[in-house]
Structure formats: C-alpha cells, structure tokens
C-alpha atoms as a PDB file:
ATOM      1  CA  MET A   1    -107.755 -43.561 200.303  1.00  0.00           C
ATOM      2  CA  ASP A   2    -105.146 -41.770 198.322  1.00  0.00           C
ATOM      3  CA  LEU A   3    -105.808 -39.038 195.794  1.00  0.00           C
ATOM      4  CA  GLU A   4    -105.336 -41.401 192.853  1.00  0.00           C
ATOM      5  CA  HIS A   5    -107.962 -43.803 194.225  1.00  0.00           C
ATOM      6  CA  THR A   6    -110.362 -40.911 194.909  1.00  0.00           C
ATOM      7  CA  ILE A   7    -109.988 -39.568 191.364  1.00  0.00           C
ATOM      8  CA  CYS A   8    -110.434 -43.083 189.998  1.00  0.00           C
ATOM      9  CA  ASN A   9    -113.765 -43.406 191.849  1.00  0.00           C
ATOM     10  CA  VAL A  10    -114.934 -39.965 190.688  1.00  0.00           C
ATOM     11  CA  ILE A  11    -114.233 -40.914 187.065  1.00  0.00           C
ATOM     12  CA  LYS A  12    -116.136 -44.188 187.471  1.00  0.00           C
ATOM     13  CA  GLU A  13    -119.148 -42.499 189.115  1.00  0.00           C
ATOM     14  CA  LYS A  14    -119.352 -39.317 187.046  1.00  0.00           C
ATOM     15  CA  TYR A  15    -118.677 -40.729 183.615  1.00  0.00           C
ATOM     16  CA  GLU A  16    -120.092 -44.198 184.225  1.00  0.00           C
ATOM     17  CA  PHE A  17    -117.526 -46.148 182.301  1.00  0.00           C
ATOM     18  CA  PRO A  18    -114.870 -48.578 183.436  1.00  0.00           C
ATOM     19  CA  LEU A  19    -111.271 -47.421 183.373  1.00  0.00           C
ATOM     20  CA  MET A  20    -110.535 -49.954 180.638  1.00  0.00           C
ATOM     21  CA  GLU A  21    -112.579 -47.726 178.313  1.00  0.00           C
ATOM     22  CA  LEU A  22    -110.477 -44.751 179.386  1.00  0.00           C
ATOM     23  CA  LYS A  23    -107.489 -46.189 177.541  1.00  0.00           C
ATOM     24  CA  GLU A  24    -109.613 -46.739 174.437  1.00  0.00           C
ATOM     25  CA  LYS A  25    -110.943 -43.161 174.528  1.00  0.00           C
ATOM     26  CA  THR A  26    -107.732 -41.302 175.407  1.00  0.00           C
ATOM     27  CA  GLY A  27    -104.913 -43.640 174.385  1.00  0.00           C
ATOM     28  CA  LEU A  28    -103.604 -43.454 177.958  1.00  0.00           C
ATOM     29  CA  ASN A  29    -104.164 -45.794 180.841  1.00  0.00           C
ATOM     30  CA  PHE A  30    -105.379 -44.258 184.105  1.00  0.00           C
ATOM     31  CA  HIS A  31    -101.941 -44.061 185.675  1.00  0.00           C
ATOM     32  CA  GLU A  32    -100.452 -42.259 182.671  1.00  0.00           C
ATOM     33  CA  LEU A  33    -103.384 -39.838 182.625  1.00  0.00           C
ATOM     34  CA  PHE A  34    -103.090 -39.270 186.381  1.00  0.00           C
ATOM     35  CA  TYR A  35     -99.343 -38.646 186.014  1.00  0.00           C
ATOM     36  CA  LEU A  36     -99.886 -36.110 183.216  1.00  0.00           C
ATOM     37  CA  LEU A  37    -102.609 -34.358 185.261  1.00  0.00           C
ATOM     38  CA  GLY A  38    -100.143 -34.149 188.130  1.00  0.00           C
ATOM     39  CA  LYS A  39     -97.496 -32.605 185.877  1.00  0.00           C
ATOM     40  CA  LEU A  40     -99.950 -30.055 184.459  1.00  0.00           C
ATOM     41  CA  THR A  41    -101.139 -29.177 187.965  1.00  0.00           C
ATOM     42  CA  ALA A  42     -97.571 -28.820 189.261  1.00  0.00           C
ATOM     43  CA  ASP A  43     -96.686 -26.584 186.308  1.00  0.00           C
ATOM     44  CA  GLY A  44     -99.708 -24.375 187.080  1.00  0.00           C
ATOM     45  CA  LYS A  45    -101.322 -25.120 183.716  1.00  0.00           C
ATOM     46  CA  VAL A  46    -104.363 -26.838 185.245  1.00  0.00           C
ATOM     47  CA  THR A  47    -106.180 -26.389 188.521  1.00  0.00           C
ATOM     48  CA  LEU A  48    -107.440 -29.681 189.856  1.00  0.00           C
ATOM     49  CA  SER A  49    -110.053 -29.682 192.583  1.00  0.00           C
ATOM     50  CA  VAL A  50    -110.935 -32.956 194.227  1.00  0.00           C
ATOM     51  CA  ARG A  51    -113.282 -33.043 197.159  1.00  0.00           C
ATOM     52  CA  ALA A  52    -112.679 -35.904 199.521  1.00  0.00           C
ATOM     53  CA  ASN A  53    -113.970 -36.590 202.979  1.00  0.00           C
ATOM     54  CA  ALA A  54    -110.947 -36.741 205.286  1.00  0.00           C
ATOM     55  CA  GLU A  55    -112.832 -38.989 207.693  1.00  0.00           C
ATOM     56  CA  THR A  56    -113.171 -41.701 205.061  1.00  0.00           C
ATOM     57  CA  ASP A  57    -109.623 -41.182 203.842  1.00  0.00           C
ATOM     58  CA  TYR A  58    -107.763 -42.393 206.918  1.00  0.00           C
ATOM     59  CA  ALA A  59    -110.242 -43.082 209.721  1.00  0.00           C
ATOM     60  CA  TYR A  60    -110.611 -46.781 208.973  1.00  0.00           C
ATOM     61  CA  GLN A  61    -107.075 -47.597 207.933  1.00  0.00           C
ATOM     62  CA  SER A  62    -104.463 -49.347 209.989  1.00  0.00           C
ATOM     63  CA  ARG A  63    -101.281 -47.534 210.945  1.00  0.00           C
ATOM     64  CA  HIS A  64     -99.459 -49.506 208.236  1.00  0.00           C
ATOM     65  CA  GLU A  65    -101.890 -48.295 205.576  1.00  0.00           C
ATOM     66  CA  TYR A  66    -101.626 -44.742 206.863  1.00  0.00           C
ATOM     67  CA  LEU A  67     -97.808 -44.830 206.787  1.00  0.00           C
ATOM     68  CA  PHE A  68     -97.825 -46.361 203.310  1.00  0.00           C
ATOM     69  CA  HIS A  69    -100.078 -43.572 202.016  1.00  0.00           C
ATOM     70  CA  ARG A  70     -97.920 -40.946 203.722  1.00  0.00           C
ATOM     71  CA  PHE A  71     -94.850 -42.517 202.073  1.00  0.00           C
ATOM     72  CA  MET A  72     -96.550 -42.301 198.672  1.00  0.00           C
ATOM     73  CA  ASP A  73     -97.529 -38.673 199.370  1.00  0.00           C
ATOM     74  CA  LEU A  74     -93.941 -37.853 200.319  1.00  0.00           C
ATOM     75  CA  THR A  75     -92.569 -39.484 197.168  1.00  0.00           C
ATOM     76  CA  ALA A  76     -94.997 -37.402 195.117  1.00  0.00           C
ATOM     77  CA  LYS A  77     -93.683 -34.285 196.849  1.00  0.00           C
ATOM     78  CA  TYR A  78     -89.927 -34.974 196.946  1.00  0.00           C
ATOM     79  CA  LEU A  79     -89.222 -37.237 193.995  1.00  0.00           C
ATOM     80  CA  PRO A  80     -87.215 -37.315 191.849  1.00  0.00           C
ATOM     81  CA  GLN A  81     -84.710 -35.250 193.831  1.00  0.00           C
ATOM     82  CA  GLU A  82     -84.867 -37.426 196.969  1.00  0.00           C
ATOM     83  CA  ARG A  83     -84.366 -41.103 196.157  1.00  0.00           C
ATOM     84  CA  ASN A  84     -82.964 -42.343 199.474  1.00  0.00           C
ATOM     85  CA  ILE A  85     -85.169 -44.541 201.674  1.00  0.00           C
ATOM     86  CA  ASN A  86     -83.538 -43.058 204.786  1.00  0.00           C
ATOM     87  CA  PHE A  87     -84.900 -39.639 203.827  1.00  0.00           C
ATOM     88  CA  TYR A  88     -88.495 -40.908 203.701  1.00  0.00           C
ATOM     89  CA  ALA A  89     -88.137 -43.006 206.860  1.00  0.00           C
ATOM     90  CA  SER A  90     -86.853 -39.925 208.666  1.00  0.00           C
ATOM     91  CA  LYS A  91     -89.806 -37.837 207.457  1.00  0.00           C
ATOM     92  CA  LEU A  92     -92.166 -40.535 208.783  1.00  0.00           C
ATOM     93  CA  CYS A  93     -90.219 -40.886 212.053  1.00  0.00           C
ATOM     94  CA  ILE A  94     -89.692 -44.611 211.519  1.00  0.00           C
ATOM     95  CA  THR A  95     -86.685 -46.765 210.676  1.00  0.00           C
ATOM     96  CA  PRO A  96     -85.813 -47.607 207.066  1.00  0.00           C
ATOM     97  CA  LYS A  97     -86.298 -51.293 207.881  1.00  0.00           C
ATOM     98  CA  TYR A  98     -89.823 -50.661 209.184  1.00  0.00           C
ATOM     99  CA  LEU A  99     -90.615 -48.503 206.145  1.00  0.00           C
ATOM    100  CA  SER A 100     -89.457 -51.313 203.866  1.00  0.00           C
ATOM    101  CA  TYR A 101     -91.668 -53.775 205.730  1.00  0.00           C
ATOM    102  CA  ILE A 102     -94.746 -51.524 205.508  1.00  0.00           C
ATOM    103  CA  VAL A 103     -94.285 -50.712 201.825  1.00  0.00           C
ATOM    104  CA  LYS A 104     -93.661 -54.362 200.937  1.00  0.00           C
ATOM    105  CA  GLN A 105     -96.817 -55.430 202.813  1.00  0.00           C
ATOM    106  CA  ALA A 106     -98.969 -52.761 201.168  1.00  0.00           C
ATOM    107  CA  SER A 107     -97.660 -52.878 197.611  1.00  0.00           C
ATOM    108  CA  GLY A 108     -95.725 -56.102 197.210  1.00  0.00           C
ATOM    109  CA  LYS A 109     -92.698 -54.017 196.250  1.00  0.00           C
ATOM    110  CA  THR A 110     -89.812 -52.512 198.134  1.00  0.00           C
ATOM    111  CA  PRO A 111     -89.555 -48.730 198.555  1.00  0.00           C
ATOM    112  CA  THR A 112     -86.473 -48.806 196.328  1.00  0.00           C
ATOM    113  CA  ILE A 113     -88.445 -50.351 193.460  1.00  0.00           C
ATOM    114  CA  LEU A 114     -91.359 -47.912 193.854  1.00  0.00           C
ATOM    115  CA  ILE A 115     -88.972 -44.965 193.957  1.00  0.00           C
ATOM    116  CA  LYS A 116     -87.071 -46.217 190.919  1.00  0.00           C
ATOM    117  CA  GLU A 117     -90.325 -46.676 188.966  1.00  0.00           C
ATOM    118  CA  LYS A 118     -91.442 -43.133 189.758  1.00  0.00           C
ATOM    119  CA  VAL A 119     -88.032 -41.703 188.842  1.00  0.00           C
ATOM    120  CA  MET A 120     -88.097 -43.618 185.558  1.00  0.00           C
ATOM    121  CA  ASP A 121     -91.594 -42.278 184.821  1.00  0.00           C
ATOM    122  CA  GLU A 122     -90.310 -38.737 185.366  1.00  0.00           C
ATOM    123  CA  ILE A 123     -87.259 -39.318 183.164  1.00  0.00           C
ATOM    124  CA  LYS A 124     -89.388 -40.799 180.368  1.00  0.00           C
ATOM    125  CA  TYR A 125     -91.840 -37.921 180.628  1.00  0.00           C
ATOM    126  CA  ARG A 126     -89.065 -35.331 180.366  1.00  0.00           C
ATOM    127  CA  LEU A 127     -87.380 -37.133 177.484  1.00  0.00           C
ATOM    128  CA  CYS A 128     -90.581 -37.364 175.452  1.00  0.00           C
ATOM    129  CA  HIS A 129     -92.476 -34.222 176.430  1.00  0.00           C
ATOM    130  CA  THR A 130     -89.837 -31.531 176.970  1.00  0.00           C
ATOM    131  CA  GLN A 131     -87.082 -29.984 174.917  1.00  0.00           C
ATOM    132  CA  ALA A 132     -84.611 -30.179 177.819  1.00  0.00           C
ATOM    133  CA  THR A 133     -81.231 -31.618 176.927  1.00  0.00           C
ATOM    134  CA  ILE A 134     -80.124 -34.851 178.539  1.00  0.00           C
ATOM    135  CA  LYS A 135     -77.577 -32.849 180.519  1.00  0.00           C
ATOM    136  CA  GLU A 136     -80.317 -30.523 181.807  1.00  0.00           C
ATOM    137  CA  ILE A 137     -82.497 -33.499 182.766  1.00  0.00           C
ATOM    138  CA  THR A 138     -79.516 -35.110 184.508  1.00  0.00           C
ATOM    139  CA  TYR A 139     -78.945 -32.187 186.830  1.00  0.00           C
ATOM    140  CA  ALA A 140     -82.632 -31.308 187.270  1.00  0.00           C
ATOM    141  CA  LEU A 141     -83.252 -34.828 188.582  1.00  0.00           C
ATOM    142  CA  ASN A 142     -80.271 -34.709 190.930  1.00  0.00           C
ATOM    143  CA  PHE A 143     -78.018 -37.191 189.144  1.00  0.00           C
ATOM    144  CA  PRO A 144     -74.286 -36.577 189.680  1.00  0.00           C
ATOM    145  CA  ASN A 145     -73.383 -36.442 185.971  1.00  0.00           C
ATOM    146  CA  PRO A 146     -74.700 -37.356 182.494  1.00  0.00           C
ATOM    147  CA  SER A 147     -72.598 -40.523 182.353  1.00  0.00           C
ATOM    148  CA  PHE A 148     -74.148 -41.921 185.536  1.00  0.00           C
ATOM    149  CA  PHE A 149     -77.602 -40.814 184.360  1.00  0.00           C
ATOM    150  CA  GLY A 150     -77.131 -42.644 181.048  1.00  0.00           C
ATOM    151  CA  LYS A 151     -75.990 -45.839 182.774  1.00  0.00           C
ATOM    152  CA  TYR A 152     -78.890 -45.647 185.254  1.00  0.00           C
ATOM    153  CA  PHE A 153     -81.422 -45.203 182.450  1.00  0.00           C
ATOM    154  CA  LYS A 154     -79.910 -47.864 180.201  1.00  0.00           C
ATOM    155  CA  ALA A 155     -79.831 -50.407 183.050  1.00  0.00           C
ATOM    156  CA  GLU A 156     -83.597 -49.966 183.438  1.00  0.00           C
ATOM    157  CA  THR A 157     -84.687 -49.704 179.806  1.00  0.00           C
ATOM    158  CA  GLY A 158     -81.976 -51.375 177.764  1.00  0.00           C
ATOM    159  CA  ILE A 159     -81.456 -48.264 175.625  1.00  0.00           C
ATOM    160  CA  SER A 160     -79.777 -44.901 176.095  1.00  0.00           C
ATOM    161  CA  PRO A 161     -81.775 -41.775 176.964  1.00  0.00           C
ATOM    162  CA  ALA A 162     -81.048 -40.320 173.514  1.00  0.00           C
ATOM    163  CA  ALA A 163     -82.248 -43.484 171.765  1.00  0.00           C
ATOM    164  CA  TYR A 164     -85.364 -43.554 173.950  1.00  0.00           C
ATOM    165  CA  ARG A 165     -86.146 -39.929 173.081  1.00  0.00           C
ATOM    166  CA  THR A 166     -85.625 -40.586 169.380  1.00  0.00           C
ATOM    167  CA  LYS A 167     -87.799 -43.696 169.417  1.00  0.00           C
ATOM    168  CA  TYR A 168     -90.693 -42.564 171.611  1.00  0.00           C
ATOM    169  CA  ALA A 169     -90.869 -38.776 171.270  1.00  0.00           C
ATOM    170  CA  LYS A 170     -91.784 -39.224 167.609  1.00  0.00           C
ATOM    171  CA  ASN A 171     -94.415 -41.866 168.335  1.00  0.00           C
ATOM    172  CA  PRO A 172     -96.044 -41.211 171.731  1.00  0.00           C
ATOM    173  CA  ASN A 173     -98.391 -44.207 171.341  1.00  0.00           C
ATOM    174  CA  GLN A 174     -95.398 -46.549 171.508  1.00  0.00           C
ATOM    175  CA  GLN A 175     -94.185 -44.717 174.607  1.00  0.00           C
ATOM    176  CA  SER A 176     -97.567 -45.175 176.293  1.00  0.00           C
ATOM    177  CA  SER A 177     -97.408 -48.923 175.869  1.00  0.00           C
ATOM    178  CA  ALA A 178     -93.768 -48.963 176.944  1.00  0.00           C
ATOM    179  CA  THR A 179     -94.541 -47.252 180.241  1.00  0.00           C
ATOM    180  CA  ALA A 180     -97.751 -49.193 180.845  1.00  0.00           C
ATOM    181  CA  SER A 181     -95.817 -52.043 182.442  1.00  0.00           C
ATOM    182  CA  VAL A 182     -94.344 -49.623 184.985  1.00  0.00           C
ATOM    183  CA  HIS A 183     -97.759 -48.161 185.764  1.00  0.00           C
ATOM    184  CA  LYS A 184     -99.417 -51.563 186.209  1.00  0.00           C
ATOM    185  CA  SER A 185     -97.738 -51.836 189.584  1.00  0.00           C
ATOM    186  CA  TYR A 186     -99.765 -48.952 191.003  1.00  0.00           C
ATOM    187  CA  LYS A 187    -103.164 -50.566 190.369  1.00  0.00           C
END
C-alpha cells in the first residue's frame, strides 16, 4: 500500500464517511487534499504522522507492484525537478522500457503521463497559492526559460500561466474542479 491509500483508509475508518462526502465538506477531492497536506508537510507547516505496518505494505505485492510504488515514491521525492524516465529507471535499477511496462500495467498510464500530471499539479498549485512570479516558478521547476514554460503549460491547459493564475487564483473553487480531472487518474 502506498501512503495515499493508507491515509485514505484511516479517513474512512476514523471519520466513518465515504470520500465522496469529503469533497462536500471541504470543497476538495481526496487527491487535492492529499496534495495540499503534502505541500504543508514539506514546507514544515504541518507534521503528519501515519502509522502503517510495513509487513502489510509490501509483503503481499508482486515485484511489479513494489516497483510501481517505488516509482511513485521517487516521483514524490524528485518531482518536479526530475522529469526524465531514465532518471527513475536508473534509481530503480531497471531499464526505462521495463519501467514503462510496469507503470502502464499498474496505472494504465505511461510514466511520462504520470510525471506530466504531477508537474502540472505543482505548477497549478504554485500559480494559485503562491506569490512567486512566473519567471521564479519557471526556474524553480527546472524549466530552461519562461518561454518554454509558457508553451509547456499552454499545451496542457489551453491557456497561458498568467491567464490561469488570473482566472483560478481569484476563484479557488473553479481551480479545484479544473484539476479534478487530473487527480481522477490516481484513484
């Protein structure tokens, strides 16, 4: 089990309500809430303690499942700076082709798509929840220049980073529904 799945089960057991109600109560779906918790934890603003039994986490999984979860853990650690599949394959001591096969089997998506979705989530978060300039975001996320960053973002969303910030930073509820389609893939 991964951390997200463990937290999901704790929420279900402790608060005895389905995750569908979570969106009604908080305005965020589980994946958006989990992402924001991760950001707050990484920034040192929140301490998150989750107790999980390591034996149940990986003892009954196949090697493919284990490698997939390790890949997801590595993306959580190294994204958005490292976006190259070769980097993650090297960390797992497997070939990029084998990594692609494992990720596709486990998630139905290629590693490139999963990485791109996570990078886009980070960009959207920074555009809507920080005061960083687009230039600062560009370099913080390891893009070569603002022009490339703008083209990358616009190819995925259909609008420029500045337009996205203007539209969604003022109305975060619209932004939540806009990113919900990206987060659906992690269910």
